[in-house]
Amino acid sequence: MCPASRPTMRLHLWLETDKGVFFGQGRLQLLEYIEYTGSLNAAAKALGMSYRAAWGKIKTSEEALGFQLVEQPDGKRGGGQLSEAAKLLIASYRTWLQEVEAFALQSAKKHMDYTPAQYWSVRELPSRKPPEAALSARSARSGRPTGEAPCDGVPESGAEAEAEAEA
């Protein structure tokens, strides 16, 4: 449980072109779930989106980046695995996000004489359970277990709604 008086820092970083978002926390999560489930369809379902929406987001990112993110194993239909370039992108994005977050926390302490609570909006993969069984729609959107109230008392909107739309 979070103390009511301690603010929570929230960051949402994404990359975009003039055509829109091509990579951010939602795409990161989608790629990680594709790797976890071995299927674009299963990843989409686990994240509460349609196959078509997930496929469109992957294709938009691939076009902007100029390389393939998801490959079909042995040319078969169904399934899917991440390309080596996608794995490198995931690692690079996570490192960048962690560095930005660390700087933001340090800067908050310097300028405001306190350190806000850290907030990580990308849900970690479940360790043993399939995503469909492990996560409810609420936790999929908020990154919090079902029924847990937001620490800052602010209704789910703003950055969380933006992250959900980007995903």
N, C-alpha and C. Protein backbone atom coordinates (compact mmCIF):
# COMPACT_ATOMS: atom_id res chain seq x y z
N MET A 1 0.85 -1.18 0.00
CA MET A 1 0.00 0.00 0.00
C MET A 1 0.89 1.23 0.00
N CYS A 2 0.54 2.23 -0.77
CA CYS A 2 1.34 3.44 -0.90
C CYS A 2 0.87 4.49 0.08
N PRO A 3 1.80 5.23 0.66
CA PRO A 3 1.38 6.36 1.50
C PRO A 3 0.67 7.40 0.64
N ALA A 4 -0.38 7.96 1.17
CA ALA A 4 -1.17 8.92 0.41
C ALA A 4 -0.40 10.19 0.10
N SER A 5 0.57 10.55 0.94
CA SER A 5 1.27 11.81 0.76
C SER A 5 2.45 11.71 -0.22
N ARG A 6 2.84 10.53 -0.64
CA ARG A 6 4.00 10.38 -1.51
C ARG A 6 3.56 10.28 -2.97
N PRO A 7 3.94 11.25 -3.78
CA PRO A 7 3.55 11.20 -5.19
C PRO A 7 4.23 10.04 -5.92
N THR A 8 3.61 9.61 -6.98
CA THR A 8 4.16 8.54 -7.80
C THR A 8 4.57 9.12 -9.14
N MET A 9 5.79 8.81 -9.55
CA MET A 9 6.28 9.27 -10.85
C MET A 9 5.79 8.31 -11.93
N ARG A 10 5.28 8.86 -12.99
CA ARG A 10 4.83 8.07 -14.13
C ARG A 10 5.50 8.60 -15.39
N LEU A 11 6.09 7.70 -16.14
CA LEU A 11 6.71 8.06 -17.41
C LEU A 11 6.12 7.19 -18.50
N HIS A 12 5.95 7.78 -19.64
CA HIS A 12 5.53 7.02 -20.81
C HIS A 12 6.36 7.54 -21.98
N LEU A 13 7.28 6.72 -22.43
CA LEU A 13 8.15 7.11 -23.53
C LEU A 13 7.79 6.30 -24.76
N TRP A 14 7.76 6.96 -25.89
CA TRP A 14 7.49 6.27 -27.14
C TRP A 14 8.23 6.97 -28.26
N LEU A 15 8.35 6.28 -29.36
CA LEU A 15 9.00 6.81 -30.56
C LEU A 15 7.93 6.91 -31.63
N GLU A 16 7.98 7.99 -32.39
CA GLU A 16 6.97 8.17 -33.43
C GLU A 16 7.57 8.84 -34.65
N THR A 17 6.88 8.70 -35.74
CA THR A 17 7.19 9.41 -36.98
C THR A 17 6.00 10.31 -37.27
N ASP A 18 6.02 10.95 -38.42
CA ASP A 18 4.87 11.78 -38.80
C ASP A 18 3.62 10.93 -39.04
N LYS A 19 3.79 9.61 -39.15
CA LYS A 19 2.65 8.71 -39.33
C LYS A 19 2.12 8.16 -38.01
N GLY A 20 2.77 8.50 -36.90
CA GLY A 20 2.29 8.06 -35.59
C GLY A 20 3.30 7.23 -34.82
N VAL A 21 2.83 6.64 -33.75
CA VAL A 21 3.66 5.85 -32.85
C VAL A 21 4.15 4.61 -33.58
N PHE A 22 5.45 4.30 -33.41
CA PHE A 22 5.93 3.03 -33.94
C PHE A 22 6.59 2.17 -32.89
N PHE A 23 6.91 2.72 -31.72
CA PHE A 23 7.39 1.88 -30.63
C PHE A 23 7.25 2.59 -29.31
N GLY A 24 6.78 1.84 -28.32
CA GLY A 24 6.62 2.36 -26.97
C GLY A 24 6.37 1.19 -26.03
N GLN A 25 5.87 1.48 -24.86
CA GLN A 25 5.67 0.45 -23.86
C GLN A 25 4.63 -0.59 -24.28
N GLY A 26 3.62 -0.16 -25.00
CA GLY A 26 2.61 -1.11 -25.48
C GLY A 26 3.18 -2.08 -26.49
N ARG A 27 3.97 -1.58 -27.41
CA ARG A 27 4.59 -2.46 -28.41
C ARG A 27 5.63 -3.37 -27.75
N LEU A 28 6.34 -2.84 -26.78
CA LEU A 28 7.29 -3.64 -26.01
C LEU A 28 6.56 -4.83 -25.38
N GLN A 29 5.46 -4.54 -24.74
CA GLN A 29 4.68 -5.57 -24.08
C GLN A 29 4.15 -6.59 -25.09
N LEU A 30 3.67 -6.13 -26.22
CA LEU A 30 3.17 -7.02 -27.26
C LEU A 30 4.27 -7.96 -27.74
N LEU A 31 5.46 -7.42 -28.02
CA LEU A 31 6.56 -8.27 -28.47
C LEU A 31 6.95 -9.29 -27.40
N GLU A 32 7.00 -8.86 -26.15
CA GLU A 32 7.36 -9.79 -25.08
C GLU A 32 6.33 -10.90 -24.94
N TYR A 33 5.07 -10.58 -25.13
CA TYR A 33 4.04 -11.61 -25.05
C TYR A 33 4.07 -12.53 -26.26
N ILE A 34 4.45 -12.02 -27.41
CA ILE A 34 4.62 -12.90 -28.57
C ILE A 34 5.72 -13.91 -28.28
N GLU A 35 6.81 -13.43 -27.71
CA GLU A 35 7.90 -14.34 -27.36
C GLU A 35 7.45 -15.35 -26.31
N TYR A 36 6.71 -14.90 -25.32
CA TYR A 36 6.25 -15.74 -24.22
C TYR A 36 5.27 -16.81 -24.68
N THR A 37 4.32 -16.41 -25.54
CA THR A 37 3.28 -17.35 -25.97
C THR A 37 3.64 -18.09 -27.25
N GLY A 38 4.55 -17.54 -28.05
CA GLY A 38 4.88 -18.16 -29.32
C GLY A 38 3.86 -17.89 -30.40
N SER A 39 2.97 -16.90 -30.15
CA SER A 39 1.88 -16.65 -31.08
C SER A 39 1.41 -15.21 -30.98
N LEU A 40 1.25 -14.57 -32.13
CA LEU A 40 0.70 -13.21 -32.16
C LEU A 40 -0.74 -13.22 -31.67
N ASN A 41 -1.51 -14.22 -32.07
CA ASN A 41 -2.90 -14.31 -31.67
C ASN A 41 -3.03 -14.47 -30.15
N ALA A 42 -2.25 -15.37 -29.56
CA ALA A 42 -2.31 -15.59 -28.11
C ALA A 42 -1.85 -14.34 -27.36
N ALA A 43 -0.83 -13.67 -27.87
CA ALA A 43 -0.35 -12.44 -27.23
C ALA A 43 -1.43 -11.37 -27.28
N ALA A 44 -2.08 -11.22 -28.42
CA ALA A 44 -3.14 -10.23 -28.55
C ALA A 44 -4.26 -10.51 -27.57
N LYS A 45 -4.69 -11.76 -27.48
CA LYS A 45 -5.76 -12.13 -26.54
C LYS A 45 -5.36 -11.84 -25.10
N ALA A 46 -4.12 -12.18 -24.75
CA ALA A 46 -3.64 -11.96 -23.38
C ALA A 46 -3.64 -10.48 -23.03
N LEU A 47 -3.43 -9.63 -24.01
CA LEU A 47 -3.38 -8.19 -23.78
C LEU A 47 -4.71 -7.50 -24.05
N GLY A 48 -5.74 -8.28 -24.37
CA GLY A 48 -7.07 -7.72 -24.55
C GLY A 48 -7.26 -6.94 -25.84
N MET A 49 -6.55 -7.35 -26.89
CA MET A 49 -6.72 -6.67 -28.18
C MET A 49 -7.02 -7.70 -29.27
N SER A 50 -7.52 -7.23 -30.37
CA SER A 50 -7.82 -8.13 -31.47
C SER A 50 -6.52 -8.51 -32.19
N TYR A 51 -6.58 -9.64 -32.88
CA TYR A 51 -5.43 -10.07 -33.68
C TYR A 51 -5.10 -9.01 -34.72
N ARG A 52 -6.13 -8.47 -35.35
CA ARG A 52 -5.91 -7.48 -36.40
C ARG A 52 -5.21 -6.23 -35.86
N ALA A 53 -5.62 -5.76 -34.68
CA ALA A 53 -4.97 -4.59 -34.07
C ALA A 53 -3.51 -4.88 -33.75
N ALA A 54 -3.25 -6.05 -33.19
CA ALA A 54 -1.88 -6.43 -32.85
C ALA A 54 -1.03 -6.54 -34.11
N TRP A 55 -1.56 -7.19 -35.13
CA TRP A 55 -0.83 -7.36 -36.38
C TRP A 55 -0.55 -5.99 -37.01
N GLY A 56 -1.53 -5.09 -36.98
CA GLY A 56 -1.34 -3.76 -37.54
C GLY A 56 -0.25 -2.99 -36.81
N LYS A 57 -0.19 -3.10 -35.51
CA LYS A 57 0.84 -2.41 -34.73
C LYS A 57 2.23 -2.96 -35.06
N ILE A 58 2.33 -4.27 -35.20
CA ILE A 58 3.61 -4.89 -35.56
C ILE A 58 4.04 -4.42 -36.95
N LYS A 59 3.12 -4.43 -37.90
CA LYS A 59 3.45 -4.02 -39.28
C LYS A 59 3.85 -2.54 -39.33
N THR A 60 3.15 -1.68 -38.60
CA THR A 60 3.50 -0.26 -38.55
C THR A 60 4.92 -0.08 -38.01
N SER A 61 5.24 -0.80 -36.96
CA SER A 61 6.58 -0.72 -36.38
C SER A 61 7.63 -1.23 -37.36
N GLU A 62 7.35 -2.36 -38.00
CA GLU A 62 8.31 -2.92 -38.96
C GLU A 62 8.58 -1.96 -40.11
N GLU A 63 7.54 -1.31 -40.61
CA GLU A 63 7.71 -0.35 -41.71
C GLU A 63 8.56 0.83 -41.27
N ALA A 64 8.31 1.36 -40.09
CA ALA A 64 9.07 2.51 -39.59
C ALA A 64 10.52 2.13 -39.28
N LEU A 65 10.74 0.94 -38.77
CA LEU A 65 12.08 0.52 -38.38
C LEU A 65 12.90 -0.01 -39.56
N GLY A 66 12.19 -0.55 -40.55
CA GLY A 66 12.89 -1.08 -41.72
C GLY A 66 13.40 -2.51 -41.53
N PHE A 67 12.89 -3.20 -40.54
CA PHE A 67 13.25 -4.61 -40.37
C PHE A 67 12.09 -5.37 -39.75
N GLN A 68 12.15 -6.69 -39.90
CA GLN A 68 11.08 -7.57 -39.43
C GLN A 68 11.22 -7.81 -37.93
N LEU A 69 10.10 -7.73 -37.22
CA LEU A 69 10.08 -7.98 -35.79
C LEU A 69 9.63 -9.39 -35.45
N VAL A 70 8.65 -9.90 -36.20
CA VAL A 70 8.09 -11.22 -35.94
C VAL A 70 8.27 -12.08 -37.18
N GLU A 71 8.79 -13.28 -36.96
CA GLU A 71 9.02 -14.23 -38.04
C GLU A 71 8.16 -15.46 -37.83
N GLN A 72 7.73 -16.06 -38.93
CA GLN A 72 6.98 -17.31 -38.86
C GLN A 72 7.99 -18.45 -38.80
N PRO A 73 7.86 -19.37 -37.85
CA PRO A 73 8.82 -20.47 -37.76
C PRO A 73 8.69 -21.40 -38.96
N ASP A 74 9.79 -21.64 -39.61
CA ASP A 74 9.85 -22.57 -40.75
C ASP A 74 8.82 -22.27 -41.83
N GLY A 75 8.42 -21.02 -41.99
CA GLY A 75 7.47 -20.64 -43.02
C GLY A 75 6.06 -21.11 -42.76
N LYS A 76 5.78 -21.61 -41.58
CA LYS A 76 4.44 -22.12 -41.27
C LYS A 76 3.51 -20.98 -40.89
N ARG A 77 2.22 -21.21 -41.13
CA ARG A 77 1.21 -20.26 -40.66
C ARG A 77 0.98 -20.50 -39.19
N GLY A 78 0.61 -19.45 -38.50
CA GLY A 78 0.36 -19.58 -37.07
C GLY A 78 1.67 -19.48 -36.31
N GLY A 79 1.56 -19.26 -35.04
CA GLY A 79 2.76 -19.11 -34.25
C GLY A 79 3.49 -17.84 -34.59
N GLY A 80 4.67 -17.74 -34.16
CA GLY A 80 5.49 -16.58 -34.45
C GLY A 80 6.61 -16.50 -33.44
N GLN A 81 7.74 -16.04 -33.89
CA GLN A 81 8.86 -15.84 -32.99
C GLN A 81 9.50 -14.51 -33.30
N LEU A 82 10.15 -13.95 -32.32
CA LEU A 82 10.78 -12.65 -32.50
C LEU A 82 12.07 -12.80 -33.29
N SER A 83 12.31 -11.84 -34.16
CA SER A 83 13.57 -11.79 -34.87
C SER A 83 14.67 -11.37 -33.90
N GLU A 84 15.90 -11.59 -34.28
CA GLU A 84 17.02 -11.14 -33.44
C GLU A 84 17.00 -9.62 -33.30
N ALA A 85 16.60 -8.93 -34.36
CA ALA A 85 16.50 -7.46 -34.30
C ALA A 85 15.45 -7.03 -33.27
N ALA A 86 14.33 -7.76 -33.19
CA ALA A 86 13.29 -7.44 -32.20
C ALA A 86 13.82 -7.64 -30.79
N LYS A 87 14.57 -8.71 -30.56
CA LYS A 87 15.14 -8.96 -29.24
C LYS A 87 16.11 -7.86 -28.84
N LEU A 88 16.90 -7.39 -29.79
CA LEU A 88 17.82 -6.29 -29.51
C LEU A 88 17.05 -5.00 -29.23
N LEU A 89 15.99 -4.75 -29.98
CA LEU A 89 15.16 -3.57 -29.76
C LEU A 89 14.54 -3.60 -28.35
N ILE A 90 14.04 -4.74 -27.93
CA ILE A 90 13.46 -4.88 -26.58
C ILE A 90 14.51 -4.54 -25.52
N ALA A 91 15.67 -5.13 -25.64
CA ALA A 91 16.73 -4.89 -24.65
C ALA A 91 17.14 -3.42 -24.64
N SER A 92 17.30 -2.83 -25.81
CA SER A 92 17.70 -1.42 -25.92
C SER A 92 16.65 -0.49 -25.35
N TYR A 93 15.38 -0.74 -25.67
CA TYR A 93 14.30 0.11 -25.18
C TYR A 93 14.20 0.03 -23.66
N ARG A 94 14.27 -1.18 -23.12
CA ARG A 94 14.19 -1.34 -21.66
C ARG A 94 15.35 -0.62 -20.97
N THR A 95 16.56 -0.73 -21.52
CA THR A 95 17.71 -0.04 -20.94
C THR A 95 17.50 1.47 -20.98
N TRP A 96 17.05 1.98 -22.11
CA TRP A 96 16.79 3.41 -22.26
C TRP A 96 15.74 3.87 -21.25
N LEU A 97 14.66 3.13 -21.14
CA LEU A 97 13.59 3.48 -20.22
C LEU A 97 14.08 3.49 -18.77
N GLN A 98 14.87 2.50 -18.39
CA GLN A 98 15.41 2.44 -17.03
C GLN A 98 16.34 3.62 -16.75
N GLU A 99 17.16 3.99 -17.73
CA GLU A 99 18.06 5.12 -17.55
C GLU A 99 17.29 6.44 -17.42
N VAL A 100 16.27 6.61 -18.23
CA VAL A 100 15.46 7.83 -18.16
C VAL A 100 14.73 7.89 -16.82
N GLU A 101 14.18 6.75 -16.39
CA GLU A 101 13.48 6.72 -15.12
C GLU A 101 14.43 7.02 -13.96
N ALA A 102 15.63 6.46 -13.97
CA ALA A 102 16.61 6.71 -12.90
C ALA A 102 16.97 8.20 -12.86
N PHE A 103 17.17 8.80 -14.03
CA PHE A 103 17.48 10.23 -14.08
C PHE A 103 16.31 11.05 -13.55
N ALA A 104 15.09 10.68 -13.93
CA ALA A 104 13.91 11.43 -13.48
C ALA A 104 13.75 11.34 -11.96
N LEU A 105 13.99 10.18 -11.39
CA LEU A 105 13.90 10.03 -9.93
C LEU A 105 14.98 10.87 -9.23
N GLN A 106 16.19 10.83 -9.77
CA GLN A 106 17.30 11.61 -9.21
C GLN A 106 17.01 13.11 -9.32
N SER A 107 16.49 13.52 -10.45
CA SER A 107 16.18 14.93 -10.68
C SER A 107 15.06 15.41 -9.75
N ALA A 108 14.07 14.56 -9.52
CA ALA A 108 12.98 14.91 -8.60
C ALA A 108 13.52 15.15 -7.20
N LYS A 109 14.44 14.28 -6.77
CA LYS A 109 15.03 14.44 -5.44
C LYS A 109 15.82 15.74 -5.36
N LYS A 110 16.56 16.05 -6.41
CA LYS A 110 17.38 17.26 -6.44
C LYS A 110 16.51 18.52 -6.42
N HIS A 111 15.47 18.55 -7.24
CA HIS A 111 14.67 19.77 -7.40
C HIS A 111 13.51 19.90 -6.43
N MET A 112 13.04 18.79 -5.89
CA MET A 112 11.86 18.85 -5.03
C MET A 112 12.14 18.34 -3.62
N ASP A 113 13.37 17.95 -3.35
CA ASP A 113 13.81 17.50 -2.04
C ASP A 113 13.07 16.26 -1.54
N TYR A 114 12.58 15.44 -2.43
CA TYR A 114 12.04 14.13 -2.08
C TYR A 114 12.08 13.27 -3.34
N THR A 115 11.96 11.98 -3.14
CA THR A 115 11.96 11.06 -4.27
C THR A 115 10.56 10.46 -4.40
N PRO A 116 9.91 10.68 -5.53
CA PRO A 116 8.59 10.06 -5.73
C PRO A 116 8.71 8.54 -5.78
N ALA A 117 7.62 7.87 -5.53
CA ALA A 117 7.58 6.42 -5.66
C ALA A 117 7.78 6.08 -7.13
N GLN A 118 8.49 5.01 -7.36
CA GLN A 118 8.74 4.56 -8.72
C GLN A 118 7.49 3.87 -9.25
N TYR A 119 7.23 4.00 -10.53
CA TYR A 119 6.07 3.37 -11.16
C TYR A 119 6.52 2.74 -12.46
N TRP A 120 6.23 1.50 -12.65
CA TRP A 120 6.58 0.82 -13.90
C TRP A 120 5.28 0.37 -14.54
N SER A 121 4.95 0.91 -15.69
CA SER A 121 3.64 0.66 -16.28
C SER A 121 3.57 -0.58 -17.15
N VAL A 122 4.72 -1.15 -17.52
CA VAL A 122 4.67 -2.35 -18.34
C VAL A 122 4.61 -3.56 -17.43
N ARG A 123 3.55 -4.31 -17.54
CA ARG A 123 3.32 -5.49 -16.71
C ARG A 123 4.37 -6.55 -17.03
N GLU A 124 4.92 -7.13 -15.99
CA GLU A 124 5.88 -8.22 -16.18
C GLU A 124 5.14 -9.48 -16.60
N LEU A 125 5.83 -10.33 -17.31
CA LEU A 125 5.23 -11.59 -17.74
C LEU A 125 4.99 -12.50 -16.54
N PRO A 126 3.87 -13.23 -16.54
CA PRO A 126 3.65 -14.19 -15.46
C PRO A 126 4.70 -15.29 -15.55
N SER A 127 5.14 -15.80 -14.43
CA SER A 127 6.24 -16.75 -14.45
C SER A 127 5.82 -18.16 -14.85
N ARG A 128 4.67 -18.63 -14.42
CA ARG A 128 4.29 -20.00 -14.70
C ARG A 128 2.92 -20.15 -15.34
N LYS A 129 2.05 -19.20 -15.16
CA LYS A 129 0.68 -19.32 -15.66
C LYS A 129 0.57 -18.72 -17.06
N PRO A 130 -0.29 -19.26 -17.91
CA PRO A 130 -0.54 -18.63 -19.20
C PRO A 130 -1.13 -17.24 -18.97
N PRO A 131 -0.83 -16.26 -19.83
CA PRO A 131 -1.31 -14.90 -19.62
C PRO A 131 -2.82 -14.80 -19.46
N GLU A 132 -3.59 -15.60 -20.18
CA GLU A 132 -5.05 -15.49 -20.10
C GLU A 132 -5.55 -15.83 -18.70
N ALA A 133 -4.94 -16.82 -18.04
CA ALA A 133 -5.38 -17.23 -16.72
C ALA A 133 -4.83 -16.32 -15.63
N ALA A 134 -3.69 -15.71 -15.88
CA ALA A 134 -3.01 -14.95 -14.84
C ALA A 134 -3.49 -13.52 -14.72
N LEU A 135 -4.08 -12.98 -15.75
CA LEU A 135 -4.36 -11.56 -15.77
C LEU A 135 -5.81 -11.25 -16.06
N SER A 136 -6.35 -10.32 -15.33
CA SER A 136 -7.71 -9.86 -15.63
C SER A 136 -7.62 -8.66 -16.56
N ALA A 137 -8.72 -8.23 -17.09
CA ALA A 137 -8.73 -7.06 -17.96
C ALA A 137 -8.24 -5.83 -17.22
N ARG A 138 -8.58 -5.69 -15.95
CA ARG A 138 -8.15 -4.51 -15.18
C ARG A 138 -6.65 -4.50 -15.00
N SER A 139 -6.07 -5.64 -14.59
CA SER A 139 -4.63 -5.65 -14.38
C SER A 139 -3.90 -5.51 -15.70
N ALA A 140 -4.51 -5.98 -16.79
CA ALA A 140 -3.89 -5.81 -18.10
C ALA A 140 -3.78 -4.34 -18.47
N ARG A 141 -4.78 -3.54 -18.07
CA ARG A 141 -4.74 -2.11 -18.38
C ARG A 141 -3.85 -1.34 -17.42
N SER A 142 -3.91 -1.67 -16.15
CA SER A 142 -3.29 -0.81 -15.15
C SER A 142 -1.95 -1.30 -14.64
N GLY A 143 -1.65 -2.58 -14.81
CA GLY A 143 -0.42 -3.10 -14.25
C GLY A 143 -0.55 -3.42 -12.77
N ARG A 144 -1.76 -3.27 -12.20
CA ARG A 144 -2.00 -3.57 -10.79
C ARG A 144 -2.84 -4.83 -10.69
N PRO A 145 -2.70 -5.59 -9.62
CA PRO A 145 -3.59 -6.73 -9.42
C PRO A 145 -5.05 -6.26 -9.33
N THR A 146 -5.97 -7.12 -9.70
CA THR A 146 -7.39 -6.78 -9.66
C THR A 146 -7.80 -6.33 -8.27
N GLY A 147 -8.54 -5.24 -8.21
CA GLY A 147 -9.05 -4.74 -6.95
C GLY A 147 -8.12 -3.81 -6.21
N GLU A 148 -6.87 -3.72 -6.64
CA GLU A 148 -5.93 -2.84 -5.95
C GLU A 148 -6.15 -1.41 -6.41
N ALA A 149 -6.26 -0.50 -5.49
CA ALA A 149 -6.51 0.90 -5.81
C ALA A 149 -5.24 1.57 -6.27
N PRO A 150 -5.35 2.60 -7.11
CA PRO A 150 -4.16 3.34 -7.50
C PRO A 150 -3.55 4.01 -6.27
N CYS A 151 -2.23 4.06 -6.23
CA CYS A 151 -1.53 4.65 -5.08
C CYS A 151 -1.76 6.14 -4.98
N ASP A 152 -1.90 6.80 -6.11
CA ASP A 152 -2.01 8.26 -6.07
C ASP A 152 -3.45 8.74 -5.97
N GLY A 153 -4.40 7.82 -5.95
CA GLY A 153 -5.79 8.20 -5.81
C GLY A 153 -6.39 8.81 -7.07
N VAL A 154 -5.63 8.90 -8.13
CA VAL A 154 -6.13 9.48 -9.38
C VAL A 154 -6.83 8.39 -10.15
N PRO A 155 -8.02 8.63 -10.67
CA PRO A 155 -8.72 7.61 -11.44
C PRO A 155 -7.91 7.19 -12.65
N GLU A 156 -8.14 5.97 -13.10
CA GLU A 156 -7.42 5.49 -14.27
C GLU A 156 -7.83 6.31 -15.48
N SER A 157 -6.92 7.08 -15.95
CA SER A 157 -7.11 7.90 -17.14
C SER A 157 -5.76 8.46 -17.49
N GLY A 158 -5.71 9.45 -18.29
CA GLY A 158 -4.46 10.12 -18.60
C GLY A 158 -3.42 9.16 -19.15
N ALA A 159 -2.29 9.01 -18.45
CA ALA A 159 -1.17 8.21 -18.93
C ALA A 159 -1.56 6.75 -19.08
N GLU A 160 -2.38 6.21 -18.16
CA GLU A 160 -2.77 4.81 -18.28
C GLU A 160 -3.65 4.60 -19.50
N ALA A 161 -4.56 5.50 -19.75
CA ALA A 161 -5.41 5.40 -20.94
C ALA A 161 -4.56 5.54 -22.20
N GLU A 162 -3.58 6.44 -22.15
CA GLU A 162 -2.69 6.64 -23.29
C GLU A 162 -1.86 5.39 -23.55
N ALA A 163 -1.35 4.77 -22.48
CA ALA A 163 -0.57 3.55 -22.63
C ALA A 163 -1.43 2.42 -23.21
N GLU A 164 -2.68 2.35 -22.76
CA GLU A 164 -3.57 1.33 -23.27
C GLU A 164 -3.86 1.56 -24.74
N ALA A 165 -4.07 2.81 -25.14
CA ALA A 165 -4.36 3.13 -26.54
C ALA A 165 -3.16 2.83 -27.41
N GLU A 166 -1.95 3.10 -26.88
CA GLU A 166 -0.72 2.87 -27.64
C GLU A 166 -0.47 1.38 -27.81
N ALA A 167 -0.86 0.61 -26.78
CA ALA A 167 -0.63 -0.85 -26.84
C ALA A 167 -1.48 -1.39 -27.95
